[in-house]
Amino acid sequence: MITKLTNNNFETETKNGLKLVEFFADWCGYCKKQEAELEQMDKVWIGQVNADENSELAIKHGIAGFPTFLVMKDGKEVTRFSGLRSKEDLMNVLMKFV
């Protein structure tokens, strides 16, 4: 399930449970390829932040490239990584925090 995150709902949406958050940009070719992998993960909560439209969030979280993923647990960042990732890679990272 993909949820669009903004400056207004980021904290509320990520404060409970294990969450995978992707920071992306519409102009990013890797981000467009990543979308296909994320759509296959329909049983996982995924939040997407358009960094161009929500630059405050990107700055607050120190996002320097796209796509960048944060794994959040109960509102706290537990790990981050960047670059195009397969569905299997993403699931392996998440399983470390279950």
PDB file of N, CA and C in Angstrom:
ATOM      1  N   MET A   1       0.855  -1.178   0.000  1.00  0.00           N
ATOM      2  CA  MET A   1       0.000   0.000   0.000  1.00  0.00           C
ATOM      3  C   MET A   1       0.896   1.234   0.000  1.00  0.00           C
ATOM      4  N   ILE A   2       0.754   2.068  -0.988  1.00  0.00           N
ATOM      5  CA  ILE A   2       1.567   3.279  -1.097  1.00  0.00           C
ATOM      6  C   ILE A   2       0.748   4.478  -0.637  1.00  0.00           C
ATOM      7  N   THR A   3       1.323   5.219   0.309  1.00  0.00           N
ATOM      8  CA  THR A   3       0.689   6.406   0.866  1.00  0.00           C
ATOM      9  C   THR A   3       1.537   7.620   0.507  1.00  0.00           C
ATOM     10  N   LYS A   4       0.905   8.639  -0.029  1.00  0.00           N
ATOM     11  CA  LYS A   4       1.614   9.879  -0.336  1.00  0.00           C
ATOM     12  C   LYS A   4       1.832  10.649   0.965  1.00  0.00           C
ATOM     13  N   LEU A   5       3.070  11.007   1.224  1.00  0.00           N
ATOM     14  CA  LEU A   5       3.408  11.750   2.432  1.00  0.00           C
ATOM     15  C   LEU A   5       3.766  13.182   2.073  1.00  0.00           C
ATOM     16  N   THR A   6       3.354  14.105   2.938  1.00  0.00           N
ATOM     17  CA  THR A   6       3.612  15.527   2.733  1.00  0.00           C
ATOM     18  C   THR A   6       4.133  16.129   4.035  1.00  0.00           C
ATOM     19  N   ASN A   7       4.483  17.400   3.959  1.00  0.00           N
ATOM     20  CA  ASN A   7       4.878  18.123   5.173  1.00  0.00           C
ATOM     21  C   ASN A   7       3.784  18.029   6.235  1.00  0.00           C
ATOM     22  N   ASN A   8       2.534  17.953   5.815  1.00  0.00           N
ATOM     23  CA  ASN A   8       1.407  17.974   6.747  1.00  0.00           C
ATOM     24  C   ASN A   8       1.117  16.635   7.418  1.00  0.00           C
ATOM     25  N   ASN A   9       1.390  15.502   6.760  1.00  0.00           N
ATOM     26  CA  ASN A   9       0.988  14.220   7.349  1.00  0.00           C
ATOM     27  C   ASN A   9       2.145  13.282   7.682  1.00  0.00           C
ATOM     28  N   PHE A  10       3.383  13.664   7.425  1.00  0.00           N
ATOM     29  CA  PHE A  10       4.524  12.773   7.596  1.00  0.00           C
ATOM     30  C   PHE A  10       4.618  12.219   9.013  1.00  0.00           C
ATOM     31  N   GLU A  11       4.622  13.083  10.005  1.00  0.00           N
ATOM     32  CA  GLU A  11       4.789  12.623  11.390  1.00  0.00           C
ATOM     33  C   GLU A  11       3.639  11.739  11.840  1.00  0.00           C
ATOM     34  N   THR A  12       2.424  12.104  11.507  1.00  0.00           N
ATOM     35  CA  THR A  12       1.255  11.307  11.899  1.00  0.00           C
ATOM     36  C   THR A  12       1.297   9.923  11.269  1.00  0.00           C
ATOM     37  N   GLU A  13       1.627   9.858   9.993  1.00  0.00           N
ATOM     38  CA  GLU A  13       1.627   8.581   9.262  1.00  0.00           C
ATOM     39  C   GLU A  13       2.778   7.658   9.660  1.00  0.00           C
ATOM     40  N   THR A  14       3.883   8.201  10.146  1.00  0.00           N
ATOM     41  CA  THR A  14       5.055   7.366  10.440  1.00  0.00           C
ATOM     42  C   THR A  14       5.271   7.126  11.935  1.00  0.00           C
ATOM     43  N   LYS A  15       4.378   7.618  12.780  1.00  0.00           N
ATOM     44  CA  LYS A  15       4.653   7.554  14.219  1.00  0.00           C
ATOM     45  C   LYS A  15       4.459   6.174  14.839  1.00  0.00           C
ATOM     46  N   ASN A  16       3.725   5.282  14.204  1.00  0.00           N
ATOM     47  CA  ASN A  16       3.481   3.952  14.779  1.00  0.00           C
ATOM     48  C   ASN A  16       3.870   2.850  13.817  1.00  0.00           C
ATOM     49  N   GLY A  17       4.544   1.831  14.323  1.00  0.00           N
ATOM     50  CA  GLY A  17       4.852   0.661  13.530  1.00  0.00           C
ATOM     51  C   GLY A  17       6.092   0.818  12.664  1.00  0.00           C
ATOM     52  N   LEU A  18       6.295  -0.176  11.804  1.00  0.00           N
ATOM     53  CA  LEU A  18       7.437  -0.222  10.895  1.00  0.00           C
ATOM     54  C   LEU A  18       7.003   0.333   9.545  1.00  0.00           C
ATOM     55  N   LYS A  19       7.726   1.340   9.047  1.00  0.00           N
ATOM     56  CA  LYS A  19       7.343   2.029   7.817  1.00  0.00           C
ATOM     57  C   LYS A  19       8.544   2.151   6.895  1.00  0.00           C
ATOM     58  N   LEU A  20       8.305   1.964   5.606  1.00  0.00           N
ATOM     59  CA  LEU A  20       9.305   2.198   4.573  1.00  0.00           C
ATOM     60  C   LEU A  20       8.929   3.488   3.865  1.00  0.00           C
ATOM     61  N   VAL A  21       9.839   4.464   3.885  1.00  0.00           N
ATOM     62  CA  VAL A  21       9.561   5.774   3.294  1.00  0.00           C
ATOM     63  C   VAL A  21      10.554   6.024   2.170  1.00  0.00           C
ATOM     64  N   GLU A  22      10.034   6.353   0.994  1.00  0.00           N
ATOM     65  CA  GLU A  22      10.869   6.676  -0.155  1.00  0.00           C
ATOM     66  C   GLU A  22      10.784   8.174  -0.442  1.00  0.00           C
ATOM     67  N   PHE A  23      11.933   8.827  -0.503  1.00  0.00           N
ATOM     68  CA  PHE A  23      12.022  10.197  -0.995  1.00  0.00           C
ATOM     69  C   PHE A  23      12.385  10.107  -2.469  1.00  0.00           C
ATOM     70  N   PHE A  24      11.605  10.762  -3.325  1.00  0.00           N
ATOM     71  CA  PHE A  24      11.810  10.674  -4.766  1.00  0.00           C
ATOM     72  C   PHE A  24      11.606  12.037  -5.406  1.00  0.00           C
ATOM     73  N   ALA A  25      11.962  12.105  -6.689  1.00  0.00           N
ATOM     74  CA  ALA A  25      11.692  13.294  -7.502  1.00  0.00           C
ATOM     75  C   ALA A  25      11.101  12.824  -8.827  1.00  0.00           C
ATOM     76  N   ASP A  26      10.136  13.574  -9.333  1.00  0.00           N
ATOM     77  CA  ASP A  26       9.472  13.196 -10.591  1.00  0.00           C
ATOM     78  C   ASP A  26      10.442  13.101 -11.760  1.00  0.00           C
ATOM     79  N   TRP A  27      11.495  13.891 -11.760  1.00  0.00           N
ATOM     80  CA  TRP A  27      12.449  13.937 -12.868  1.00  0.00           C
ATOM     81  C   TRP A  27      13.500  12.829 -12.789  1.00  0.00           C
ATOM     82  N   CYS A  28      13.517  12.073 -11.716  1.00  0.00           N
ATOM     83  CA  CYS A  28      14.537  11.043 -11.472  1.00  0.00           C
ATOM     84  C   CYS A  28      14.203   9.745 -12.207  1.00  0.00           C
ATOM     85  N   GLY A  29      15.060   9.345 -13.146  1.00  0.00           N
ATOM     86  CA  GLY A  29      14.849   8.115 -13.905  1.00  0.00           C
ATOM     87  C   GLY A  29      14.864   6.866 -13.030  1.00  0.00           C
ATOM     88  N   TYR A  30      15.769   6.817 -12.053  1.00  0.00           N
ATOM     89  CA  TYR A  30      15.818   5.666 -11.153  1.00  0.00           C
ATOM     90  C   TYR A  30      14.543   5.567 -10.318  1.00  0.00           C
ATOM     91  N   CYS A  31      14.003   6.711  -9.936  1.00  0.00           N
ATOM     92  CA  CYS A  31      12.764   6.726  -9.154  1.00  0.00           C
ATOM     93  C   CYS A  31      11.601   6.145  -9.956  1.00  0.00           C
ATOM     94  N   LYS A  32      11.572   6.443 -11.240  1.00  0.00           N
ATOM     95  CA  LYS A  32      10.516   5.905 -12.098  1.00  0.00           C
ATOM     96  C   LYS A  32      10.629   4.391 -12.209  1.00  0.00           C
ATOM     97  N   LYS A  33      11.852   3.882 -12.310  1.00  0.00           N
ATOM     98  CA  LYS A  33      12.051   2.428 -12.337  1.00  0.00           C
ATOM     99  C   LYS A  33      11.702   1.810 -10.989  1.00  0.00           C
ATOM    100  N   GLN A  34      12.000   2.515  -9.903  1.00  0.00           N
ATOM    101  CA  GLN A  34      11.720   2.013  -8.555  1.00  0.00           C
ATOM    102  C   GLN A  34      10.226   1.827  -8.333  1.00  0.00           C
ATOM    103  N   GLU A  35       9.433   2.668  -8.937  1.00  0.00           N
ATOM    104  CA  GLU A  35       7.973   2.614  -8.774  1.00  0.00           C
ATOM    105  C   GLU A  35       7.419   1.225  -9.081  1.00  0.00           C
ATOM    106  N   ALA A  36       7.923   0.578 -10.113  1.00  0.00           N
ATOM    107  CA  ALA A  36       7.444  -0.759 -10.483  1.00  0.00           C
ATOM    108  C   ALA A  36       7.717  -1.773  -9.377  1.00  0.00           C
ATOM    109  N   GLU A  37       8.863  -1.670  -8.735  1.00  0.00           N
ATOM    110  CA  GLU A  37       9.196  -2.575  -7.627  1.00  0.00           C
ATOM    111  C   GLU A  37       8.287  -2.315  -6.422  1.00  0.00           C
ATOM    112  N   LEU A  38       8.041  -1.060  -6.128  1.00  0.00           N
ATOM    113  CA  LEU A  38       7.207  -0.705  -4.978  1.00  0.00           C
ATOM    114  C   LEU A  38       5.767  -1.166  -5.171  1.00  0.00           C
ATOM    115  N   GLU A  39       5.267  -1.076  -6.391  1.00  0.00           N
ATOM    116  CA  GLU A  39       3.886  -1.478  -6.666  1.00  0.00           C
ATOM    117  C   GLU A  39       3.674  -2.975  -6.436  1.00  0.00           C
ATOM    118  N   GLN A  40       4.728  -3.777  -6.504  1.00  0.00           N
ATOM    119  CA  GLN A  40       4.628  -5.214  -6.248  1.00  0.00           C
ATOM    120  C   GLN A  40       4.542  -5.534  -4.756  1.00  0.00           C
ATOM    121  N   MET A  41       4.817  -4.560  -3.911  1.00  0.00           N
ATOM    122  CA  MET A  41       4.860  -4.764  -2.468  1.00  0.00           C
ATOM    123  C   MET A  41       3.546  -4.317  -1.833  1.00  0.00           C
ATOM    124  N   ASP A  42       2.431  -4.844  -2.325  1.00  0.00           N
ATOM    125  CA  ASP A  42       1.120  -4.359  -1.906  1.00  0.00           C
ATOM    126  C   ASP A  42       0.741  -4.700  -0.468  1.00  0.00           C
ATOM    127  N   LYS A  43       1.465  -5.582   0.188  1.00  0.00           N
ATOM    128  CA  LYS A  43       1.150  -5.937   1.577  1.00  0.00           C
ATOM    129  C   LYS A  43       2.010  -5.152   2.576  1.00  0.00           C
ATOM    130  N   VAL A  44       2.866  -4.285   2.071  1.00  0.00           N
ATOM    131  CA  VAL A  44       3.786  -3.499   2.900  1.00  0.00           C
ATOM    132  C   VAL A  44       3.366  -2.036   2.858  1.00  0.00           C
ATOM    133  N   TRP A  45       3.375  -1.389   4.034  1.00  0.00           N
ATOM    134  CA  TRP A  45       3.092   0.052   4.074  1.00  0.00           C
ATOM    135  C   TRP A  45       4.314   0.787   3.561  1.00  0.00           C
ATOM    136  N   ILE A  46       4.115   1.581   2.524  1.00  0.00           N
ATOM    137  CA  ILE A  46       5.186   2.374   1.924  1.00  0.00           C
ATOM    138  C   ILE A  46       4.690   3.810   1.829  1.00  0.00           C
ATOM    139  N   GLY A  47       5.496   4.716   2.312  1.00  0.00           N
ATOM    140  CA  GLY A  47       5.194   6.131   2.181  1.00  0.00           C
ATOM    141  C   GLY A  47       6.117   6.747   1.152  1.00  0.00           C
ATOM    142  N   GLN A  48       5.571   7.602   0.316  1.00  0.00           N
ATOM    143  CA  GLN A  48       6.378   8.278  -0.701  1.00  0.00           C
ATOM    144  C   GLN A  48       6.315   9.782  -0.484  1.00  0.00           C
ATOM    145  N   VAL A  49       7.503  10.396  -0.493  1.00  0.00           N
ATOM    146  CA  VAL A  49       7.620  11.839  -0.357  1.00  0.00           C
ATOM    147  C   VAL A  49       8.196  12.401  -1.645  1.00  0.00           C
ATOM    148  N   ASN A  50       7.425  13.233  -2.323  1.00  0.00           N
ATOM    149  CA  ASN A  50       7.932  13.953  -3.489  1.00  0.00           C
ATOM    150  C   ASN A  50       8.787  15.100  -2.925  1.00  0.00           C
ATOM    151  N   ALA A  51      10.098  14.958  -3.046  1.00  0.00           N
ATOM    152  CA  ALA A  51      11.017  15.910  -2.422  1.00  0.00           C
ATOM    153  C   ALA A  51      10.923  17.303  -3.042  1.00  0.00           C
ATOM    154  N   ASP A  52      10.546  17.400  -4.310  1.00  0.00           N
ATOM    155  CA  ASP A  52      10.388  18.715  -4.926  1.00  0.00           C
ATOM    156  C   ASP A  52       9.192  19.465  -4.342  1.00  0.00           C
ATOM    157  N   GLU A  53       8.128  18.741  -4.063  1.00  0.00           N
ATOM    158  CA  GLU A  53       6.921  19.361  -3.518  1.00  0.00           C
ATOM    159  C   GLU A  53       6.969  19.517  -2.006  1.00  0.00           C
ATOM    160  N   ASN A  54       7.849  18.759  -1.340  1.00  0.00           N
ATOM    161  CA  ASN A  54       7.954  18.763   0.125  1.00  0.00           C
ATOM    162  C   ASN A  54       9.411  18.950   0.537  1.00  0.00           C
ATOM    163  N   SER A  55       9.988  20.035   0.057  1.00  0.00           N
ATOM    164  CA  SER A  55      11.418  20.262   0.279  1.00  0.00           C
ATOM    165  C   SER A  55      11.774  20.395   1.755  1.00  0.00           C
ATOM    166  N   GLU A  56      10.851  20.881   2.585  1.00  0.00           N
ATOM    167  CA  GLU A  56      11.121  20.979   4.021  1.00  0.00           C
ATOM    168  C   GLU A  56      11.446  19.608   4.610  1.00  0.00           C
ATOM    169  N   LEU A  57      10.685  18.601   4.208  1.00  0.00           N
ATOM    170  CA  LEU A  57      10.935  17.238   4.697  1.00  0.00           C
ATOM    171  C   LEU A  57      12.263  16.696   4.206  1.00  0.00           C
ATOM    172  N   ALA A  58      12.566  16.954   2.938  1.00  0.00           N
ATOM    173  CA  ALA A  58      13.830  16.479   2.381  1.00  0.00           C
ATOM    174  C   ALA A  58      15.012  17.116   3.103  1.00  0.00           C
ATOM    175  N   ILE A  59      14.927  18.390   3.387  1.00  0.00           N
ATOM    176  CA  ILE A  59      15.995  19.080   4.107  1.00  0.00           C
ATOM    177  C   ILE A  59      16.086  18.567   5.537  1.00  0.00           C
ATOM    178  N   LYS A  60      14.948  18.454   6.199  1.00  0.00           N
ATOM    179  CA  LYS A  60      14.918  17.978   7.595  1.00  0.00           C
ATOM    180  C   LYS A  60      15.575  16.602   7.731  1.00  0.00           C
ATOM    181  N   HIS A  61      15.380  15.740   6.744  1.00  0.00           N
ATOM    182  CA  HIS A  61      15.906  14.378   6.810  1.00  0.00           C
ATOM    183  C   HIS A  61      17.237  14.215   6.075  1.00  0.00           C
ATOM    184  N   GLY A  62      17.804  15.318   5.595  1.00  0.00           N
ATOM    185  CA  GLY A  62      19.123  15.280   4.982  1.00  0.00           C
ATOM    186  C   GLY A  62      19.199  14.467   3.703  1.00  0.00           C
ATOM    187  N   ILE A  63      18.174  14.561   2.891  1.00  0.00           N
ATOM    188  CA  ILE A  63      18.123  13.798   1.645  1.00  0.00           C
ATOM    189  C   ILE A  63      19.004  14.480   0.603  1.00  0.00           C
ATOM    190  N   ALA A  64      19.954  13.714   0.057  1.00  0.00           N
ATOM    191  CA  ALA A  64      20.901  14.283  -0.893  1.00  0.00           C
ATOM    192  C   ALA A  64      20.785  13.681  -2.293  1.00  0.00           C
ATOM    193  N   GLY A  65      20.135  12.531  -2.430  1.00  0.00           N
ATOM    194  CA  GLY A  65      19.993  11.881  -3.725  1.00  0.00           C
ATOM    195  C   GLY A  65      18.703  11.090  -3.779  1.00  0.00           C
ATOM    196  N   PHE A  66      18.383  10.596  -4.968  1.00  0.00           N
ATOM    197  CA  PHE A  66      17.109   9.900  -5.167  1.00  0.00           C
ATOM    198  C   PHE A  66      17.308   8.595  -5.906  1.00  0.00           C
ATOM    199  N   PRO A  67      16.509   7.591  -5.622  1.00  0.00           N
ATOM    200  CA  PRO A  67      15.623   7.522  -4.468  1.00  0.00           C
ATOM    201  C   PRO A  67      16.415   7.256  -3.186  1.00  0.00           C
ATOM    202  N   THR A  68      15.941   7.816  -2.094  1.00  0.00           N
ATOM    203  CA  THR A  68      16.490   7.528  -0.767  1.00  0.00           C
ATOM    204  C   THR A  68      15.371   6.952   0.075  1.00  0.00           C
ATOM    205  N   PHE A  69      15.692   5.867   0.764  1.00  0.00           N
ATOM    206  CA  PHE A  69      14.724   5.178   1.613  1.00  0.00           C
ATOM    207  C   PHE A  69      15.084   5.352   3.077  1.00  0.00           C
ATOM    208  N   LEU A  70      14.072   5.595   3.899  1.00  0.00           N
ATOM    209  CA  LEU A  70      14.214   5.572   5.344  1.00  0.00           C
ATOM    210  C   LEU A  70      13.361   4.426   5.848  1.00  0.00           C
ATOM    211  N   VAL A  71      13.881   3.658   6.782  1.00  0.00           N
ATOM    212  CA  VAL A  71      13.068   2.691   7.503  1.00  0.00           C
ATOM    213  C   VAL A  71      12.805   3.334   8.856  1.00  0.00           C
ATOM    214  N   MET A  72      11.523   3.508   9.152  1.00  0.00           N
ATOM    215  CA  MET A  72      11.105   4.162  10.389  1.00  0.00           C
ATOM    216  C   MET A  72      10.412   3.137  11.275  1.00  0.00           C
ATOM    217  N   LYS A  73      10.721   3.180  12.551  1.00  0.00           N
ATOM    218  CA  LYS A  73      10.040   2.317  13.516  1.00  0.00           C
ATOM    219  C   LYS A  73       9.549   3.205  14.646  1.00  0.00           C
ATOM    220  N   ASP A  74       8.229   3.243  14.793  1.00  0.00           N
ATOM    221  CA  ASP A  74       7.581   4.079  15.802  1.00  0.00           C
ATOM    222  C   ASP A  74       8.073   5.523  15.762  1.00  0.00           C
ATOM    223  N   GLY A  75       8.167   6.064  14.540  1.00  0.00           N
ATOM    224  CA  GLY A  75       8.497   7.461  14.347  1.00  0.00           C
ATOM    225  C   GLY A  75       9.973   7.795  14.325  1.00  0.00           C
ATOM    226  N   LYS A  76      10.825   6.825  14.550  1.00  0.00           N
ATOM    227  CA  LYS A  76      12.278   7.053  14.561  1.00  0.00           C
ATOM    228  C   LYS A  76      12.934   6.353  13.386  1.00  0.00           C
ATOM    229  N   GLU A  77      13.888   7.025  12.760  1.00  0.00           N
ATOM    230  CA  GLU A  77      14.639   6.409  11.671  1.00  0.00           C
ATOM    231  C   GLU A  77      15.577   5.351  12.248  1.00  0.00           C
ATOM    232  N   VAL A  78      15.501   4.124  11.699  1.00  0.00           N
ATOM    233  CA  VAL A  78      16.388   3.049  12.162  1.00  0.00           C
ATOM    234  C   VAL A  78      17.473   2.728  11.147  1.00  0.00           C
ATOM    235  N   THR A  79      17.238   3.044   9.881  1.00  0.00           N
ATOM    236  CA  THR A  79      18.264   2.901   8.855  1.00  0.00           C
ATOM    237  C   THR A  79      17.845   3.687   7.627  1.00  0.00           C
ATOM    238  N   ARG A  80      18.814   3.908   6.736  1.00  0.00           N
ATOM    239  CA  ARG A  80      18.541   4.570   5.460  1.00  0.00           C
ATOM    240  C   ARG A  80      19.487   4.017   4.413  1.00  0.00           C
ATOM    241  N   PHE A  81      19.066   4.107   3.163  1.00  0.00           N
ATOM    242  CA  PHE A  81      19.879   3.666   2.040  1.00  0.00           C
ATOM    243  C   PHE A  81      19.361   4.345   0.784  1.00  0.00           C
ATOM    244  N   SER A  82      20.206   4.404  -0.217  1.00  0.00           N
ATOM    245  CA  SER A  82      19.851   5.093  -1.458  1.00  0.00           C
ATOM    246  C   SER A  82      20.032   4.167  -2.647  1.00  0.00           C
ATOM    247  N   GLY A  83      19.416   4.541  -3.746  1.00  0.00           N
ATOM    248  CA  GLY A  83      19.595   3.825  -4.993  1.00  0.00           C
ATOM    249  C   GLY A  83      18.457   2.884  -5.324  1.00  0.00           C
ATOM    250  N   LEU A  84      18.443   2.471  -6.563  1.00  0.00           N
ATOM    251  CA  LEU A  84      17.434   1.557  -7.083  1.00  0.00           C
ATOM    252  C   LEU A  84      17.575   0.203  -6.401  1.00  0.00           C
ATOM    253  N   ARG A  85      16.477  -0.327  -5.842  1.00  0.00           N
ATOM    254  CA  ARG A  85      16.494  -1.597  -5.113  1.00  0.00           C
ATOM    255  C   ARG A  85      15.385  -2.509  -5.602  1.00  0.00           C
ATOM    256  N   SER A  86      15.666  -3.795  -5.595  1.00  0.00           N
ATOM    257  CA  SER A  86      14.637  -4.768  -5.956  1.00  0.00           C
ATOM    258  C   SER A  86      13.665  -4.953  -4.792  1.00  0.00           C
ATOM    259  N   LYS A  87      12.532  -5.503  -5.104  1.00  0.00           N
ATOM    260  CA  LYS A  87      11.536  -5.826  -4.079  1.00  0.00           C
ATOM    261  C   LYS A  87      12.157  -6.721  -3.013  1.00  0.00           C
ATOM    262  N   GLU A  88      12.952  -7.697  -3.436  1.00  0.00           N
ATOM    263  CA  GLU A  88      13.588  -8.634  -2.496  1.00  0.00           C
ATOM    264  C   GLU A  88      14.561  -7.909  -1.575  1.00  0.00           C
ATOM    265  N   ASP A  89      15.355  -6.996  -2.126  1.00  0.00           N
ATOM    266  CA  ASP A  89      16.285  -6.215  -1.299  1.00  0.00           C
ATOM    267  C   ASP A  89      15.532  -5.396  -0.250  1.00  0.00           C
ATOM    268  N   LEU A  90      14.470  -4.750  -0.679  1.00  0.00           N
ATOM    269  CA  LEU A  90      13.682  -3.941   0.245  1.00  0.00           C
ATOM    270  C   LEU A  90      13.074  -4.793   1.356  1.00  0.00           C
ATOM    271  N   MET A  91      12.543  -5.945   1.007  1.00  0.00           N
ATOM    272  CA  MET A  91      11.947  -6.832   2.010  1.00  0.00           C
ATOM    273  C   MET A  91      13.007  -7.349   2.985  1.00  0.00           C
ATOM    274  N   ASN A  92      14.199  -7.667   2.485  1.00  0.00           N
ATOM    275  CA  ASN A  92      15.272  -8.136   3.367  1.00  0.00           C
ATOM    276  C   ASN A  92      15.654  -7.077   4.396  1.00  0.00           C
ATOM    277  N   VAL A  93      15.702  -5.832   3.984  1.00  0.00           N
ATOM    278  CA  VAL A  93      16.009  -4.746   4.916  1.00  0.00           C
ATOM    279  C   VAL A  93      14.907  -4.625   5.963  1.00  0.00           C
ATOM    280  N   LEU A  94      13.670  -4.631   5.530  1.00  0.00           N
ATOM    281  CA  LEU A  94      12.547  -4.508   6.467  1.00  0.00           C
ATOM    282  C   LEU A  94      12.515  -5.655   7.482  1.00  0.00           C
ATOM    283  N   MET A  95      12.807  -6.850   7.030  1.00  0.00           N
ATOM    284  CA  MET A  95      12.740  -8.030   7.920  1.00  0.00           C
ATOM    285  C   MET A  95      13.734  -7.940   9.079  1.00  0.00           C
ATOM    286  N   LYS A  96      14.787  -7.178   8.921  1.00  0.00           N
ATOM    287  CA  LYS A  96      15.759  -7.002  10.001  1.00  0.00           C
ATOM    288  C   LYS A  96      15.160  -6.272  11.200  1.00  0.00           C
ATOM    289  N   PHE A  97      14.056  -5.563  10.989  1.00  0.00           N
ATOM    290  CA  PHE A  97      13.484  -4.723  12.036  1.00  0.00           C
ATOM    291  C   PHE A  97      12.118  -5.205  12.519  1.00  0.00           C
ATOM    292  N   VAL A  98      11.705  -6.370  12.052  1.00  0.00           N
ATOM    293  CA  VAL A  98      10.400  -6.916  12.467  1.00  0.00           C
ATOM    294  C   VAL A  98      10.541  -7.547  13.839  1.00  0.00           C
TER     295      VAL A  98
END
